[in-house]
Protein backbone atom coordinates (compact mmCIF):
# COMPACT_ATOMS: atom_id res chain seq x y z
CA MET A 1 -30.20 -20.67 17.25
CA LYS A 2 -31.07 -21.14 13.59
CA LEU A 3 -28.81 -20.75 10.47
CA TYR A 4 -30.37 -19.83 7.33
CA TYR A 5 -28.93 -21.17 4.02
CA ARG A 6 -29.89 -21.88 0.25
CA PRO A 7 -28.85 -25.53 -0.78
CA LYS A 8 -26.16 -25.89 -3.57
CA THR A 9 -24.49 -21.97 -2.45
CA SER A 10 -20.91 -21.20 -2.01
CA GLY A 11 -19.00 -21.86 0.72
CA ARG A 12 -20.79 -18.70 3.23
CA PRO A 13 -23.44 -20.69 4.58
CA MET A 14 -20.68 -23.64 5.37
CA ARG A 15 -17.84 -21.55 6.68
CA ALA A 16 -20.85 -20.14 9.67
CA ALA A 17 -21.89 -24.62 10.07
CA TRP A 18 -18.42 -25.55 9.99
CA LEU A 19 -17.74 -23.04 13.45
CA LEU A 20 -21.18 -24.27 14.79
CA GLU A 21 -20.24 -27.39 14.28
CA GLU A 22 -16.63 -26.72 16.22
CA LEU A 23 -18.08 -25.55 19.13
CA GLY A 24 -20.19 -27.70 19.74
CA ALA A 25 -23.91 -25.63 19.50
CA ASP A 26 -26.85 -26.34 19.62
CA TYR A 27 -28.26 -25.32 16.19
CA GLU A 28 -30.76 -25.40 13.37
CA THR A 29 -30.34 -24.93 9.87
CA VAL A 30 -33.56 -23.65 7.13
CA ALA A 31 -33.03 -24.12 4.04
CA ILE A 32 -34.30 -21.57 1.91
CA GLU A 33 -34.76 -22.11 -1.45
CA ASP A 34 -36.72 -18.05 -2.35
CA THR A 35 -33.26 -15.18 -1.40
CA ASP A 36 -35.56 -12.65 -2.95
CA SER A 37 -38.43 -12.54 -1.34
CA ASP A 38 -39.41 -9.96 1.18
CA GLU A 39 -39.37 -12.21 4.19
CA HIS A 40 -35.55 -13.06 3.50
CA HIS A 41 -34.73 -9.71 3.44
CA GLU A 42 -36.20 -9.05 6.86
CA ARG A 43 -33.20 -11.31 7.77
CA SER A 44 -30.98 -9.82 5.33
CA PRO A 45 -31.56 -6.77 3.38
CA LEU A 46 -29.18 -7.77 1.14
CA GLY A 47 -31.48 -11.00 0.53
CA ARG A 48 -27.86 -13.17 0.85
CA VAL A 49 -27.11 -16.43 2.74
CA PRO A 50 -26.20 -16.77 5.22
CA VAL A 51 -27.94 -15.47 8.31
CA LEU A 52 -28.13 -16.76 11.91
CA GLU A 53 -30.59 -16.07 14.02
CA PHE A 54 -29.91 -16.01 17.86
CA ASP A 55 -31.39 -17.92 20.48
CA ASP A 56 -32.84 -13.88 21.73
CA GLY A 57 -34.32 -13.32 17.69
CA THR A 58 -31.84 -10.69 16.61
CA MET A 59 -30.36 -11.69 12.92
CA LEU A 60 -26.72 -11.65 11.64
CA PHE A 61 -25.70 -11.59 8.26
CA ASP A 62 -22.21 -12.09 6.32
CA SER A 63 -20.72 -15.43 7.37
CA THR A 64 -16.80 -13.40 8.54
CA ALA A 65 -19.52 -11.40 10.77
CA ILE A 66 -21.08 -14.36 11.84
CA LEU A 67 -17.39 -15.90 12.65
CA PHE A 68 -16.29 -13.40 14.56
CA ALA A 69 -19.72 -12.84 16.68
CA LEU A 70 -19.94 -16.91 17.85
CA ALA A 71 -15.94 -16.68 18.60
CA ASP A 72 -16.34 -13.76 20.52
CA ARG A 73 -19.82 -15.20 22.62
CA HIS A 74 -17.00 -18.27 23.10
CA PRO A 75 -13.85 -16.86 24.15
CA GLU A 76 -13.49 -20.36 26.26
CA ALA A 77 -13.47 -21.74 22.83
CA GLY A 78 -10.03 -20.44 21.76
CA PHE A 79 -10.99 -19.05 18.04
CA LEU A 80 -10.00 -15.30 18.04
CA ALA A 81 -7.44 -14.09 20.59
CA PRO A 82 -8.35 -11.65 23.42
CA LEU A 83 -8.97 -7.68 22.17
CA GLY A 84 -5.83 -5.55 21.85
CA THR A 85 -3.37 -8.57 21.13
CA ARG A 86 -2.49 -8.97 18.12
CA GLU A 87 -3.06 -12.83 17.35
CA ARG A 88 -6.32 -10.25 17.71
CA ASP A 89 -5.05 -8.38 15.11
CA LEU A 90 -3.59 -11.14 12.59
CA ALA A 91 -7.14 -12.61 13.29
CA TYR A 92 -8.61 -9.05 11.62
CA GLN A 93 -5.54 -8.96 9.06
CA TRP A 94 -5.84 -12.67 7.40
CA SER A 95 -9.63 -13.33 7.61
CA LEU A 96 -10.22 -9.69 5.54
CA THR A 97 -7.63 -10.04 3.23
CA ALA A 98 -8.65 -13.62 1.91
CA MET A 99 -12.18 -12.19 1.42
CA THR A 100 -11.39 -8.93 0.06
CA GLU A 101 -7.92 -10.27 -2.13
CA LEU A 102 -7.93 -14.51 -2.53
CA GLU A 103 -11.89 -14.62 -2.95
CA LYS A 104 -12.02 -11.37 -4.99
CA ALA A 105 -9.21 -12.91 -7.80
CA ALA A 106 -10.51 -16.64 -7.73
CA LEU A 107 -13.95 -14.71 -7.98
CA GLY A 108 -12.94 -12.49 -10.78
CA TYR A 109 -11.20 -14.97 -12.99
CA LEU A 110 -14.43 -17.42 -12.81
CA MET A 111 -16.52 -14.77 -13.92
CA ARG A 112 -13.48 -13.42 -16.39
CA LYS A 113 -10.66 -16.57 -17.23
CA ASP A 114 -8.19 -12.83 -17.05
CA ASP A 115 -4.67 -12.72 -16.30
CA ASP A 116 -5.57 -9.83 -13.70
CA SER A 117 -6.93 -11.78 -11.41
CA ARG A 118 -4.34 -14.79 -11.98
CA GLU A 119 -1.89 -12.82 -11.05
CA LEU A 120 -3.85 -11.25 -7.92
CA TYR A 121 -3.80 -14.66 -6.67
CA ARG A 122 -1.01 -15.78 -6.95
CA SER A 123 0.37 -12.75 -5.21
CA THR A 124 -1.87 -13.09 -2.34
CA ALA A 125 -1.30 -16.86 -2.15
CA ALA A 126 1.98 -16.80 -1.88
CA ALA A 127 0.91 -14.03 1.14
CA PHE A 128 -0.59 -16.75 3.15
CA ALA A 129 1.74 -19.42 2.45
CA ASP A 130 4.78 -17.15 3.74
CA ALA A 131 2.93 -16.80 6.51
CA LEU A 132 2.27 -20.83 7.22
CA GLU A 133 5.78 -22.22 6.58
CA GLY A 134 6.46 -23.95 9.08
CA ARG A 135 3.31 -23.46 11.22
CA GLU A 136 0.18 -25.97 10.85
CA PHE A 137 -2.55 -22.88 11.28
CA LEU A 138 -2.29 -18.89 10.04
CA ILE A 139 -1.68 -17.77 13.91
CA GLY A 140 -1.52 -19.54 17.23
CA ASP A 141 -1.20 -23.07 17.81
CA SER A 142 -4.74 -24.30 16.78
CA LEU A 143 -7.68 -23.47 14.61
CA THR A 144 -8.96 -19.97 14.94
CA VAL A 145 -12.11 -17.53 13.18
CA ALA A 146 -9.05 -16.70 10.26
CA ASP A 147 -8.39 -20.48 9.79
CA ILE A 148 -12.11 -21.19 8.99
CA VAL A 149 -12.17 -17.81 6.53
CA THR A 150 -9.54 -18.69 4.84
CA THR A 151 -10.07 -22.70 4.01
CA GLY A 152 -13.79 -21.49 2.93
CA VAL A 153 -12.27 -19.04 0.22
CA LEU A 154 -9.96 -21.69 -0.73
CA PHE A 155 -13.19 -23.98 -1.94
CA ALA A 156 -14.35 -21.47 -3.84
CA SER A 157 -10.80 -20.37 -5.19
CA GLU A 158 -10.64 -24.06 -6.29
CA LEU A 159 -13.63 -24.36 -8.25
CA SER A 160 -11.24 -22.30 -10.75
CA ASN A 161 -8.49 -24.82 -10.06
CA PHE A 162 -6.36 -22.13 -8.21
CA VAL A 163 -5.41 -24.47 -5.10
CA SER A 164 -4.89 -27.28 -6.93
CA GLU A 165 -2.48 -25.27 -10.00
CA GLU A 166 -2.12 -21.99 -8.56
CA SER A 167 -1.23 -22.00 -4.76
CA PRO A 168 2.27 -22.51 -3.24
CA ALA A 169 2.87 -26.49 -1.93
CA ALA A 170 1.91 -24.65 1.86
CA LEU A 171 -0.77 -23.85 0.88
CA GLN A 172 -1.84 -26.63 -0.65
CA ALA A 173 -1.05 -28.09 2.44
CA TYR A 174 -3.12 -26.31 4.36
CA PHE A 175 -5.87 -26.50 2.69
CA ALA A 176 -5.73 -30.03 2.47
CA ARG A 177 -4.96 -30.40 6.25
CA LEU A 178 -8.32 -28.36 7.30
CA SER A 179 -10.61 -29.50 4.69
CA ALA A 180 -9.61 -32.72 6.63
CA ARG A 181 -11.40 -31.68 9.47
CA PRO A 182 -14.64 -34.04 10.45
CA ALA A 183 -16.21 -31.11 11.90
CA LEU A 184 -15.96 -28.84 8.37
CA ALA A 185 -17.61 -32.47 6.96
CA ARG A 186 -20.39 -32.33 8.78
CA ALA A 187 -21.02 -28.94 8.47
CA ALA A 188 -20.84 -29.05 4.52
CA GLN A 189 -23.67 -32.08 4.99
CA ARG A 190 -25.69 -30.10 7.17
CA VAL A 191 -25.92 -27.06 4.87
CA GLU A 192 -25.90 -29.24 1.62
CA SER A 193 -22.91 -27.55 0.47
CA LEU A 194 -21.55 -26.98 -2.74
CA PHE A 195 -18.85 -28.79 -2.15
CA GLN A 196 -19.53 -32.05 -0.39
CA LEU A 197 -17.12 -34.14 1.88
CA ALA A 198 -16.23 -37.21 2.60
């Protein structure tokens, strides 16, 4: 497999690399400097990263889609529960809420510095914190796709100090635990992430 990324970007390529590292997958990273090139637009019509090229040559863009596809291809690893289960439903719920609400608020604040984005972040962060009360992970007893998506969004949120200043204690502790995972540090290094970890 090949994972296409652009150096010093946000957490999205890092999320895909993180799951590949957790899976112990054999993959190559390919840095893309010009995401507007025709060549890259053949991989991703929106000209974005990451893009994952599977061994059969097929391509998949969007970090969350890549995570779900990888987890589906490796059900034995337990990063997604089986279809039709409550745990699978929750994986969709928290992954999509992280992307459409938590990240929207954090990035909106970065661009506009407005109170509406701050309030949206606070209310959404509170919902995540409530789900995490007394738990190490969002779903079940081990790391899932939902945790990887959410942690990636929290890295972007911390660009505005939202995790440290606007998040409930349960969400801050969750972020600290998951950002300390060795597979995440390896992933950040492999894709030259903006978020370099020790």
